[in-house]
Protein backbone atom coordinates (compact mmCIF):
# COMPACT_ATOMS: atom_id res chain seq x y z
CA MET A 1 -4.56 82.97 29.93
CA LYS A 2 -5.20 78.98 30.24
CA LYS A 3 -4.53 77.46 27.29
CA ILE A 4 -7.47 75.09 25.80
CA ASN A 5 -7.44 72.68 23.03
CA ARG A 6 -9.15 74.45 19.72
CA TRP A 7 -9.17 71.48 17.45
CA SER A 8 -11.74 69.34 16.41
CA MET A 9 -12.72 66.41 13.88
CA ASP A 10 -14.57 66.14 10.98
CA ARG A 11 -16.42 62.93 9.42
CA LYS A 12 -14.57 63.48 6.33
CA PRO A 13 -10.90 63.02 5.95
CA LEU A 14 -8.97 66.40 6.01
CA VAL A 15 -6.49 65.08 3.98
CA ARG A 16 -6.14 61.65 2.47
CA TRP A 17 -3.14 59.76 0.86
CA LEU A 18 -3.80 57.03 -1.14
CA ALA A 19 -1.26 53.90 -1.69
CA GLU A 20 -2.02 52.20 -4.94
CA ILE A 21 -0.66 48.39 -4.56
CA SER A 22 -2.72 46.83 -7.20
CA PRO A 23 0.80 45.27 -8.55
CA LEU A 24 1.03 43.38 -5.32
CA ILE A 25 -2.16 41.41 -5.49
CA GLN A 26 -0.39 38.01 -6.94
CA GLN A 27 2.34 38.00 -4.65
CA PRO A 28 1.22 37.60 -1.20
CA ALA A 29 4.65 37.32 0.52
CA VAL A 30 5.53 40.65 -0.82
CA LEU A 31 2.06 42.28 -0.09
CA LEU A 32 2.63 40.78 3.62
CA ASP A 33 6.19 42.24 3.70
CA TRP A 34 4.59 45.67 2.74
CA MET A 35 2.21 45.51 5.48
CA LYS A 36 5.23 44.47 7.99
CA HIS A 37 6.92 47.88 6.53
CA VAL A 38 3.86 50.13 7.14
CA LEU A 39 3.21 48.76 10.70
CA ARG A 40 6.88 48.93 11.67
CA ALA A 41 6.83 52.44 10.49
CA GLY A 42 3.62 53.30 12.34
CA ALA A 43 4.99 51.73 15.75
CA GLU A 44 8.45 53.63 15.05
CA HIS A 45 7.17 56.83 14.76
CA ASN A 46 4.04 56.40 17.23
CA VAL A 47 1.49 57.32 14.87
CA PHE A 48 -0.38 54.15 13.92
CA ILE A 49 -0.22 51.24 16.40
CA PRO A 50 -2.93 48.48 16.47
CA VAL A 51 -4.21 48.01 20.16
CA ASN A 52 -6.93 45.26 19.13
CA ALA A 53 -8.49 43.95 16.16
CA PRO A 54 -11.78 41.76 17.20
CA ARG A 55 -11.71 40.52 13.20
CA LEU A 56 -7.97 38.80 14.01
CA ASN A 57 -8.78 38.11 17.57
CA TYR A 58 -5.56 40.17 18.44
CA THR A 59 -4.77 42.14 21.56
CA ARG A 60 -1.40 44.11 21.48
CA SER A 61 0.96 41.95 23.73
CA PRO A 62 1.64 43.88 26.87
CA GLY A 63 4.79 45.50 27.19
CA VAL A 64 5.69 45.31 23.45
CA GLU A 65 8.04 48.02 22.10
CA GLY A 66 7.49 48.90 18.36
CA MET A 67 5.78 46.54 16.14
CA ASP A 68 3.94 43.39 17.38
CA PRO A 69 4.99 40.38 16.31
CA GLN A 70 2.04 38.66 17.02
CA LEU A 71 0.23 40.99 14.93
CA ILE A 72 1.94 39.69 11.88
CA ASP A 73 1.67 35.98 13.07
CA ARG A 74 -2.02 36.57 12.79
CA LEU A 75 -2.08 37.86 9.55
CA LYS A 76 0.26 34.94 8.29
CA GLU A 77 -1.96 32.40 9.95
CA LEU A 78 -5.20 34.07 7.89
CA TYR A 79 -3.31 33.30 4.71
CA GLU A 80 -1.98 30.12 5.39
CA HIS A 81 -4.89 28.67 6.56
CA TYR A 82 -7.69 30.45 4.74
CA HIS A 83 -5.98 31.74 2.11
CA ILE A 84 -7.38 35.33 3.06
CA LEU A 85 -4.73 38.02 3.21
CA ASP A 86 -6.20 41.14 5.21
CA VAL A 87 -4.35 44.35 4.01
CA LEU A 88 -4.77 46.35 7.12
CA GLU A 89 -8.71 46.08 6.66
CA PHE A 90 -8.37 44.96 10.62
CA ALA A 91 -7.45 48.34 11.59
CA ASN A 92 -11.33 49.23 11.21
CA SER A 93 -12.60 46.60 13.68
CA GLY A 94 -10.49 48.04 16.79
CA GLU A 95 -8.56 50.51 18.07
CA ASN A 96 -5.12 52.14 17.05
CA ALA A 97 -3.12 54.16 18.97
CA ALA A 98 -1.04 57.64 18.30
CA LEU A 99 1.49 59.37 20.71
CA LEU A 100 -0.26 63.13 20.48
CA ALA A 101 0.12 66.33 22.12
CA TYR A 102 -2.94 68.37 23.58
CA TYR A 103 -3.31 70.61 26.80
CA ASP A 104 -4.81 69.17 29.52
CA ALA A 105 -7.24 70.33 32.32
CA GLU A 106 -4.90 72.64 33.43
CA GLY A 107 -3.84 74.28 30.04
CA ASN A 108 -0.28 72.44 30.30
CA ILE A 109 0.91 70.31 27.45
CA VAL A 110 1.13 66.85 27.86
CA GLU A 111 1.98 63.72 25.20
CA ARG A 112 0.02 60.57 25.88
CA GLU A 113 -0.79 57.58 23.55
CA GLU A 114 -4.69 57.89 22.81
CA THR A 115 -6.94 55.42 20.85
CA GLU A 116 -9.84 57.40 20.03
CA LEU A 117 -9.87 61.66 19.99
CA ARG A 118 -13.24 61.77 20.76
CA GLN A 119 -12.45 60.68 24.43
CA VAL A 120 -9.93 63.19 24.79
CA LEU A 121 -12.14 66.32 23.81
CA LEU A 122 -15.16 64.50 25.69
CA ARG A 123 -12.81 64.95 28.93
CA LEU A 124 -11.70 68.39 28.10
CA ARG A 125 -14.61 70.05 26.46
CA PRO A 126 -17.63 67.94 27.71
CA ASP A 127 -19.91 70.92 27.13
CA ASP A 128 -19.10 70.70 23.20
CA VAL A 129 -20.76 66.86 23.05
CA LYS A 130 -24.07 69.05 23.71
CA HIS A 131 -23.57 72.11 21.80
CA ASN A 132 -21.20 70.88 18.57
CA PRO A 133 -21.22 67.21 18.72
CA GLN A 134 -20.36 67.50 14.78
CA LEU A 135 -16.99 68.88 15.83
CA ILE A 136 -16.84 65.78 17.93
CA CYS A 137 -16.83 62.54 15.99
CA LEU A 138 -15.54 58.89 16.65
CA GLY A 139 -11.95 58.52 14.87
CA SER A 140 -8.59 57.63 15.21
CA ALA A 141 -5.56 59.98 14.65
CA VAL A 142 -4.41 58.09 11.75
CA ASP A 143 -7.31 56.26 9.76
CA ILE A 144 -6.47 53.66 7.50
CA ILE A 145 -8.91 51.71 4.99
CA SER A 146 -8.32 48.96 2.86
CA GLU A 147 -9.62 45.47 2.35
CA ARG A 148 -9.27 41.57 2.82
CA ILE A 149 -8.34 39.60 -0.46
CA THR A 150 -9.73 36.08 -0.88
CA TYR A 151 -7.33 34.14 -3.14
CA ARG A 152 -8.93 31.87 -5.51
CA GLN A 153 -6.80 28.44 -5.74
CA PRO A 154 -4.58 28.01 -7.31
CA LEU A 155 -2.46 31.22 -6.79
CA GLN A 156 -2.11 31.73 -10.84
CA GLU A 157 -5.81 32.90 -11.41
CA PRO A 158 -6.05 36.47 -11.69
CA TYR A 159 -7.53 38.07 -8.83
CA PRO A 160 -10.71 40.37 -10.21
CA GLY A 161 -9.91 43.81 -9.21
CA GLY A 162 -7.28 46.36 -7.89
CA LEU A 163 -5.84 47.19 -4.51
CA SER A 164 -5.39 50.48 -2.96
CA VAL A 165 -4.86 51.59 0.66
CA ARG A 166 -6.30 55.00 2.03
CA VAL A 167 -4.25 56.85 4.96
CA SER A 168 -6.27 59.63 6.51
CA ILE A 169 -6.33 62.06 9.08
CA HIS A 170 -9.76 63.86 10.36
CA SER A 171 -8.40 66.26 13.07
CA ASN A 172 -6.94 69.59 12.64
CA LEU A 173 -4.66 68.71 15.64
CA TRP A 174 -2.21 68.00 13.04
CA LEU A 175 -1.93 71.37 11.38
CA PRO A 176 0.04 74.24 12.62
CA TRP A 177 -2.82 76.56 12.56
CA PHE A 178 -6.85 76.48 11.64
CA TYR A 179 -9.68 78.38 12.13
CA SER A 180 -11.53 77.54 15.27
CA GLN A 181 -14.58 76.14 14.99
CA TYR A 182 -16.44 76.40 18.29
CA PRO A 183 -18.71 79.45 18.48
CA GLU A 184 -18.04 79.74 22.35
CA ASP A 185 -14.38 80.36 21.81
CA MET A 186 -13.08 84.09 21.48
CA GLU A 187 -11.32 82.98 18.19
CA TYR A 188 -14.28 81.33 16.39
CA GLU A 189 -13.56 81.59 12.80
CA GLN A 190 -10.15 83.43 13.56
CA PRO A 191 -6.45 81.67 12.76
CA PHE A 192 -5.25 79.92 16.23
CA ASN A 193 -1.75 78.91 16.13
CA ASN A 194 -1.59 75.09 17.10
CA LEU A 195 2.21 74.99 16.33
CA GLU A 196 3.03 74.60 19.98
CA LEU A 197 1.04 71.22 19.83
CA ALA A 198 1.55 70.20 15.93
CA CYS A 199 5.41 70.32 16.15
CA ARG A 200 5.48 67.68 18.70
CA HIS A 201 3.53 65.37 16.60
CA THR A 202 3.72 66.01 13.04
CA PRO A 203 6.95 65.48 12.33
CA ARG A 204 6.29 62.08 13.12
CA LEU A 205 3.28 61.64 10.67
CA ASN A 206 5.55 62.82 8.09
CA ALA A 207 7.97 60.69 8.78
CA PHE A 208 5.56 57.55 8.47
CA LEU A 209 3.82 58.73 5.30
CA ALA A 210 7.41 59.19 3.46
CA GLN A 211 8.39 55.66 4.45
CA VAL A 212 5.20 54.19 3.46
CA LYS A 213 5.26 56.04 0.07
CA GLU A 214 9.21 55.00 -0.18
CA TRP A 215 8.17 51.09 0.41
CA THR A 216 5.05 51.44 -2.14
CA ILE A 217 7.20 52.93 -4.91
CA LYS A 218 9.98 50.76 -4.38
CA LEU A 219 7.31 47.65 -4.62
CA LYS A 220 6.07 49.05 -8.12
CA GLY A 221 3.01 50.64 -6.56
CA ALA A 222 2.26 54.36 -6.91
CA TRP A 223 1.53 56.89 -3.97
CA GLU A 224 -0.72 59.82 -4.49
CA LEU A 225 -2.58 62.38 -2.45
CA ASN A 226 -5.93 61.81 -2.94
CA ARG A 227 -8.34 64.03 -1.20
CA SER A 228 -7.30 67.45 0.87
CA VAL A 229 -9.90 70.19 1.93
CA ILE A 230 -7.17 72.41 3.64
CA ASP A 231 -5.05 74.96 2.51
CA PRO A 232 -3.14 73.57 -0.42
CA SER A 233 -0.02 75.80 1.25
CA LEU A 234 -0.18 73.48 4.08
CA LEU A 235 0.80 70.30 2.21
CA ASN A 236 4.23 69.08 2.06
CA ASP A 237 3.87 68.01 -1.73
CA ASP A 238 2.29 64.26 -1.09
CA ILE A 239 4.17 63.10 1.97
CA GLY A 240 2.49 65.33 4.92
CA ILE A 241 1.99 68.76 6.38
CA ARG A 242 4.33 71.65 6.71
CA LEU A 243 4.42 73.32 9.66
CA ASP A 244 6.37 76.89 8.46
CA VAL A 245 3.12 78.01 6.83
CA GLN A 246 1.36 81.25 7.85
CA PRO A 247 -2.33 81.66 7.84
CA ARG A 248 -3.45 83.21 4.74
CA ASP A 249 -6.57 86.03 4.66
CA GLY A 250 -9.62 84.99 3.04
CA TYR A 251 -9.11 81.32 3.23
CA ALA A 252 -11.33 79.41 5.32
CA GLY A 253 -8.58 76.77 6.27
CA ALA A 254 -9.70 73.49 8.29
């Protein structure tokens, strides 16, 4: 039987991790360094690579490997010229790529950089746009939400408010198993073994989260699992998804 993609997306996060970095607000240079580590880790593990960001007038340099130095330059210029530090908020204005595994039209596993999971499903499950649009929503593989800080001058004046960065996944593509949400599938509401795909990209997600947590804690910030609607046994503490867990009877899963 030809293998097809059973994974879907949700408008709300399935899992969300939070980096609380308020202690860095009064240290723009340190905060920028923290962002460089996040962007470097995202590129190194191929799970979060900004391709373009209209709010920064940024487009990834052709042929560049790893973190694009041009992106860091844009962030520095914004702060130096306008006293504004974009703490990864730009990610919401453009496209962000990740290297993902999924089944192609022939049922073969392919691994490709994708910026929009919706487009993958539109290509491979076109009928579901009509029948199950709630399962195919807009979104990157990894979603990062934060804000811009406009600094008062002089810098010694306290910044009014805290600062956190939320890292989320909205697709069960990352999970080793889940319950199929497509009514047309034979496996509808049955546990589907997704390990063949997840083992190709989820370890990289976990490595990315571990590095972001490590650097956040190192700079006196805090890291936590902020939200989850998946089986708790699938969570690798607060730094990712476990792949060695079997479905549990009676649990709806994600």
